[in-house]
Amino acid sequence: MKQSHIDFKRVIIVLFFATIAVAIASLTIGRDIYENKGMTVLSFAIVNFSGYLFFLFMPVELAFIFYLKTGYDPWILNLIALGTAVLSQSVDYLIGYFLSSGVIDRLIGRSRHKKAEAEIRKYGNLTLLVFNLFPLSSPVIALAAGMLKYRIKDVLLYSIAGLVLKYLVLTLIF
């Protein structure tokens, strides 16, 4: 009985954060499209920042590609993508650093938390670099690094390196 109660809470939390993600996308990109204003750099910054927070899963790489296709300067988009991603991951790190693991387990699930923690303990800085190359995984790794009290300097350095590689490859392909 208790397990189903916890699952119900988790479903409510996931639905709440999914609603926030949809609202952010609707109020930024969606509003720009509906009002026929074209895409704004501010909309991209808000979506990218939000997508790198561990509790909102948004396909920021797709948004990046979408904005590249609209004709924005790739260097500006890369700088915005990197800046907002690093800022969000810093927030994720600080949340992990200061919040208890029980609270975080309820937000993202114990198995995801433990998996991220095991990867960091096993591979260290390489984990931070590699997980920043793939969609949807780096925010949880930054959170786990904060929970482990991993050196912020290493978290930022290897996260930035992974993000630079990811966005450079996306820019060159698209």
Protein backbone atom coordinates (compact mmCIF):
# COMPACT_ATOMS: atom_id res chain seq x y z
CA MET A 1 0.00 0.00 0.00
CA LYS A 2 2.77 2.42 0.88
CA GLN A 3 4.57 1.78 -2.43
CA SER A 4 1.52 2.81 -4.47
CA HIS A 5 1.16 5.95 -2.36
CA ILE A 6 4.75 6.92 -3.17
CA ASP A 7 4.20 6.15 -6.87
CA PHE A 8 1.08 8.35 -6.84
CA LYS A 9 3.11 11.21 -5.34
CA ARG A 10 5.82 10.74 -7.94
CA VAL A 11 3.25 10.82 -10.76
CA ILE A 12 1.81 14.05 -9.37
CA ILE A 13 5.29 15.60 -9.13
CA VAL A 14 6.17 14.52 -12.69
CA LEU A 15 2.89 15.91 -14.01
CA PHE A 16 3.48 19.18 -12.17
CA PHE A 17 6.94 19.64 -13.65
CA ALA A 18 5.77 18.52 -17.11
CA THR A 19 3.09 21.20 -16.90
CA ILE A 20 5.75 23.78 -16.03
CA ALA A 21 7.86 22.65 -19.01
CA VAL A 22 4.91 22.92 -21.39
CA ALA A 23 4.00 26.33 -19.97
CA ILE A 24 7.57 27.60 -20.43
CA ALA A 25 7.67 26.38 -24.03
CA SER A 26 4.21 27.79 -24.74
CA LEU A 27 4.94 31.18 -23.21
CA THR A 28 8.22 31.59 -25.07
CA ILE A 29 8.50 29.80 -28.40
CA GLY A 30 4.77 29.19 -28.73
CA ARG A 31 3.88 32.82 -28.12
CA ASP A 32 6.46 33.97 -30.65
CA ILE A 33 5.00 31.64 -33.28
CA TYR A 34 1.37 32.52 -32.57
CA GLU A 35 2.04 36.24 -32.55
CA ASN A 36 4.04 35.87 -35.77
CA LYS A 37 7.03 37.66 -34.23
CA GLY A 38 9.55 35.09 -35.28
CA MET A 39 11.82 33.38 -32.83
CA THR A 40 13.57 35.56 -30.29
CA VAL A 41 16.91 34.91 -28.66
CA LEU A 42 15.28 35.51 -25.27
CA SER A 43 12.83 32.66 -25.94
CA PHE A 44 15.72 30.37 -26.77
CA ALA A 45 17.60 31.40 -23.62
CA ILE A 46 14.59 30.72 -21.39
CA VAL A 47 13.90 27.33 -22.96
CA ASN A 48 17.56 26.29 -22.84
CA PHE A 49 17.98 27.40 -19.23
CA SER A 50 14.81 25.57 -18.21
CA GLY A 51 15.75 22.44 -20.11
CA TYR A 52 18.99 22.05 -18.20
CA LEU A 53 17.31 22.10 -14.81
CA PHE A 54 17.21 18.53 -13.48
CA PHE A 55 13.49 18.55 -12.77
CA LEU A 56 12.37 19.73 -16.23
CA PHE A 57 13.06 17.40 -19.11
CA MET A 58 12.96 19.41 -22.30
CA PRO A 59 14.65 18.57 -25.62
CA VAL A 60 16.95 21.57 -25.67
CA GLU A 61 19.08 20.12 -28.45
CA LEU A 62 16.03 20.11 -30.72
CA ALA A 63 15.31 23.73 -29.79
CA PHE A 64 18.93 24.57 -30.63
CA ILE A 65 18.63 22.92 -34.05
CA PHE A 66 15.31 24.65 -34.63
CA TYR A 67 16.82 28.06 -33.88
CA LEU A 68 19.84 27.31 -36.08
CA LYS A 69 17.46 26.67 -38.96
CA THR A 70 15.75 30.05 -38.44
CA GLY A 71 18.90 31.89 -39.44
CA TYR A 72 20.28 33.17 -36.15
CA ASP A 73 24.01 33.62 -35.92
CA PRO A 74 25.42 30.22 -34.84
CA TRP A 75 28.04 31.84 -32.61
CA ILE A 76 25.38 33.80 -30.69
CA LEU A 77 23.24 30.67 -30.30
CA ASN A 78 26.25 28.66 -29.11
CA LEU A 79 27.17 31.30 -26.54
CA ILE A 80 23.61 31.49 -25.26
CA ALA A 81 23.28 27.71 -25.18
CA LEU A 82 26.54 27.30 -23.27
CA GLY A 83 25.86 30.16 -20.88
CA THR A 84 22.36 29.08 -19.96
CA ALA A 85 23.35 25.40 -19.72
CA VAL A 86 26.25 26.17 -17.37
CA LEU A 87 24.06 28.45 -15.26
CA SER A 88 21.35 25.80 -14.99
CA GLN A 89 23.82 23.05 -14.19
CA SER A 90 25.31 25.26 -11.48
CA VAL A 91 21.83 25.54 -10.00
CA ASP A 92 21.45 21.73 -10.25
CA TYR A 93 24.81 21.28 -8.51
CA LEU A 94 23.87 23.67 -5.70
CA ILE A 95 20.50 21.98 -5.21
CA GLY A 96 22.29 18.64 -4.92
CA TYR A 97 24.87 20.13 -2.58
CA PHE A 98 22.35 21.64 -0.18
CA LEU A 99 19.28 19.34 -0.38
CA SER A 100 19.07 15.98 1.30
CA SER A 101 19.16 12.85 -0.82
CA GLY A 102 15.67 11.90 0.42
CA VAL A 103 14.14 14.99 -1.17
CA ILE A 104 16.03 14.42 -4.40
CA ASP A 105 15.09 10.73 -4.46
CA ARG A 106 11.44 11.73 -4.34
CA LEU A 107 11.93 14.18 -7.22
CA ILE A 108 13.93 12.09 -9.69
CA GLY A 109 13.66 8.58 -8.28
CA ARG A 110 16.15 6.64 -6.21
CA SER A 111 17.35 4.47 -9.10
CA ARG A 112 18.26 7.45 -11.33
CA HIS A 113 19.99 9.15 -8.42
CA LYS A 114 21.98 6.03 -7.49
CA LYS A 115 22.90 5.32 -11.12
CA ALA A 116 24.25 8.85 -11.61
CA GLU A 117 26.14 8.66 -8.33
CA ALA A 118 27.68 5.29 -9.26
CA GLU A 119 28.83 6.65 -12.63
CA ILE A 120 30.52 9.64 -11.03
CA ARG A 121 32.21 7.51 -8.37
CA LYS A 122 33.42 5.00 -10.97
CA TYR A 123 34.56 7.26 -13.82
CA GLY A 124 34.91 10.70 -12.21
CA ASN A 125 35.50 13.62 -14.57
CA LEU A 126 35.01 11.45 -17.66
CA THR A 127 31.39 10.96 -16.57
CA LEU A 128 30.84 14.71 -16.47
CA LEU A 129 32.34 15.13 -19.94
CA VAL A 130 30.52 12.24 -21.61
CA PHE A 131 27.11 12.84 -20.05
CA ASN A 132 27.17 16.43 -21.29
CA LEU A 133 27.44 15.12 -24.83
CA PHE A 134 24.01 13.44 -24.66
CA PRO A 135 20.50 14.84 -24.27
CA LEU A 136 18.66 14.81 -20.93
CA SER A 137 21.43 13.31 -18.81
CA SER A 138 23.75 16.12 -17.77
CA PRO A 139 21.39 17.88 -15.33
CA VAL A 140 21.02 14.73 -13.24
CA ILE A 141 24.80 14.22 -13.27
CA ALA A 142 25.34 17.81 -12.07
CA LEU A 143 22.81 17.19 -9.30
CA ALA A 144 24.52 13.94 -8.27
CA ALA A 145 27.92 15.68 -8.33
CA GLY A 146 26.55 18.27 -5.92
CA MET A 147 25.21 15.55 -3.64
CA LEU A 148 28.65 13.93 -3.61
CA LYS A 149 30.23 17.32 -2.83
CA TYR A 150 32.32 16.88 -5.98
CA ARG A 151 34.68 19.78 -6.70
CA ILE A 152 32.68 22.53 -8.43
CA LYS A 153 35.74 23.47 -10.48
CA ASP A 154 35.86 19.97 -12.02
CA VAL A 155 32.09 19.88 -12.53
CA LEU A 156 32.15 23.17 -14.43
CA LEU A 157 35.31 22.45 -16.42
CA TYR A 158 34.24 19.02 -17.69
CA SER A 159 30.62 20.03 -18.17
CA ILE A 160 31.66 23.01 -20.29
CA ALA A 161 34.01 20.82 -22.33
CA GLY A 162 31.21 18.34 -23.04
CA LEU A 163 28.71 21.07 -23.85
CA VAL A 164 31.13 22.82 -26.21
CA LEU A 165 31.69 19.56 -28.08
CA LYS A 166 27.97 18.79 -28.27
CA TYR A 167 26.94 22.21 -29.56
CA LEU A 168 29.89 22.40 -31.93
CA VAL A 169 28.90 19.06 -33.49
CA LEU A 170 25.24 20.14 -33.70
CA THR A 171 26.27 23.41 -35.34
CA LEU A 172 28.49 21.69 -37.88
CA ILE A 173 25.87 19.05 -38.76
CA PHE A 174 22.90 21.41 -38.98
